[in-house]
Amino acid sequence: PDDVFAPDFIWKGSYDYKGQKQPMSLTVTSFNASTGKVNVTLTDSSTEFLLSGVYKRQETRLTLLLYQMRALTYSSLGRIMEESWAMDGFVSISIKNA
């Protein structure tokens, strides 16, 4: 649905890091409906990733690329600087029973 790209919409989820699930949130910072351009902030407990990409409505595909990263805690700075990073993943809907 179009409203998932509304500014300040938050997707909650997790990612795997070295075999362990890490909680994260993805917040939409801007979306241009005519071009499909999306800017988001992915945040976990220690790092913030700024991502930008394009949503292709006909393919229902969202591709995001990292353009800035910063440590939210001092201890994560070393981890960021020492490792090479790549992000690849899928977004899927999670339906919870009431």
Protein backbone atom coordinates (compact mmCIF):
# COMPACT_ATOMS: atom_id res chain seq x y z
CA PRO A 1 0.00 0.00 0.00
CA ASP A 2 1.07 3.57 -0.72
CA ASP A 3 0.91 4.64 2.94
CA VAL A 4 3.95 2.50 3.87
CA PHE A 5 6.08 5.20 2.24
CA ALA A 6 4.44 8.06 4.16
CA PRO A 7 7.01 10.22 5.97
CA ASP A 8 7.79 8.90 9.46
CA PHE A 9 6.22 5.48 8.71
CA ILE A 10 8.23 2.90 10.70
CA TRP A 11 8.87 -0.70 9.71
CA LYS A 12 10.02 -2.88 12.61
CA GLY A 13 12.02 -6.04 12.04
CA SER A 14 15.42 -7.61 12.41
CA TYR A 15 18.53 -8.50 10.49
CA ASP A 16 21.11 -11.26 10.90
CA TYR A 17 24.61 -10.30 11.98
CA LYS A 18 27.09 -13.14 12.38
CA GLY A 19 24.26 -15.62 12.88
CA GLN A 20 22.36 -13.58 15.47
CA LYS A 21 19.13 -11.67 14.91
CA GLN A 22 19.42 -7.98 15.69
CA PRO A 23 16.27 -5.84 16.17
CA MET A 24 16.01 -2.82 13.89
CA SER A 25 13.61 -0.21 12.60
CA LEU A 26 13.36 1.38 9.18
CA THR A 27 11.88 4.91 9.14
CA VAL A 28 10.77 6.55 5.90
CA THR A 29 12.22 10.06 5.71
CA SER A 30 10.91 10.96 2.25
CA PHE A 31 9.10 9.43 -0.73
CA ASN A 32 8.41 10.86 -4.18
CA ALA A 33 5.39 9.01 -5.60
CA SER A 34 5.99 10.13 -9.20
CA THR A 35 9.63 8.97 -9.35
CA GLY A 36 9.51 6.25 -6.69
CA LYS A 37 12.54 7.70 -4.89
CA VAL A 38 12.65 6.65 -1.23
CA ASN A 39 14.94 7.82 1.59
CA VAL A 40 14.98 5.84 4.84
CA THR A 41 16.90 5.57 8.08
CA LEU A 42 17.68 2.07 9.36
CA THR A 43 18.45 2.09 13.07
CA ASP A 44 19.57 -0.66 15.41
CA SER A 45 20.72 -0.30 19.01
CA SER A 46 24.14 1.09 18.08
CA THR A 47 24.19 2.22 14.44
CA GLU A 48 22.21 4.42 12.08
CA PHE A 49 22.29 3.79 8.32
CA LEU A 50 20.95 6.34 5.85
CA LEU A 51 19.68 4.63 2.71
CA SER A 52 18.25 5.90 -0.54
CA GLY A 53 16.70 4.06 -3.43
CA VAL A 54 13.80 3.52 -5.77
CA TYR A 55 10.51 1.69 -5.36
CA LYS A 56 9.38 0.08 -8.63
CA ARG A 57 5.63 -0.23 -8.26
CA GLN A 58 5.15 -2.57 -11.24
CA GLU A 59 7.67 -5.03 -9.76
CA THR A 60 6.75 -4.26 -6.13
CA ARG A 61 10.49 -4.04 -5.55
CA LEU A 62 12.39 -1.65 -3.31
CA THR A 63 16.14 -1.29 -3.81
CA LEU A 64 18.09 0.75 -1.26
CA LEU A 65 21.75 1.78 -1.21
CA LEU A 66 23.73 2.96 1.80
CA TYR A 67 24.94 6.56 1.54
CA GLN A 68 25.87 7.34 5.15
CA MET A 69 26.47 5.42 8.36
CA ARG A 70 27.16 6.60 11.89
CA ALA A 71 27.70 4.98 15.26
CA LEU A 72 25.18 5.83 17.95
CA THR A 73 27.43 4.39 20.64
CA TYR A 74 31.20 4.59 20.94
CA SER A 75 31.64 0.80 21.13
CA SER A 76 30.04 0.28 17.71
CA LEU A 77 32.44 2.68 16.00
CA GLY A 78 35.27 0.14 16.01
CA ARG A 79 33.02 -2.55 14.56
CA ILE A 80 31.95 -0.27 11.73
CA MET A 81 35.47 0.84 10.87
CA GLU A 82 37.04 -2.65 11.02
CA GLU A 83 34.55 -4.58 8.90
CA SER A 84 33.36 -4.31 5.36
CA TRP A 85 29.59 -4.05 5.11
CA ALA A 86 27.04 -5.18 2.55
CA MET A 87 23.26 -5.17 2.90
CA ASP A 88 20.93 -7.43 1.02
CA GLY A 89 17.44 -8.38 2.03
CA PHE A 90 13.74 -8.56 1.54
CA VAL A 91 10.79 -6.76 3.08
CA SER A 92 7.76 -8.86 3.82
CA ILE A 93 4.51 -8.29 5.65
CA SER A 94 4.02 -9.86 9.04
CA ILE A 95 0.43 -10.48 10.10
CA LYS A 96 -0.17 -11.01 13.80
CA ASN A 97 -3.27 -12.62 15.22
CA ALA A 98 -5.29 -10.36 17.47
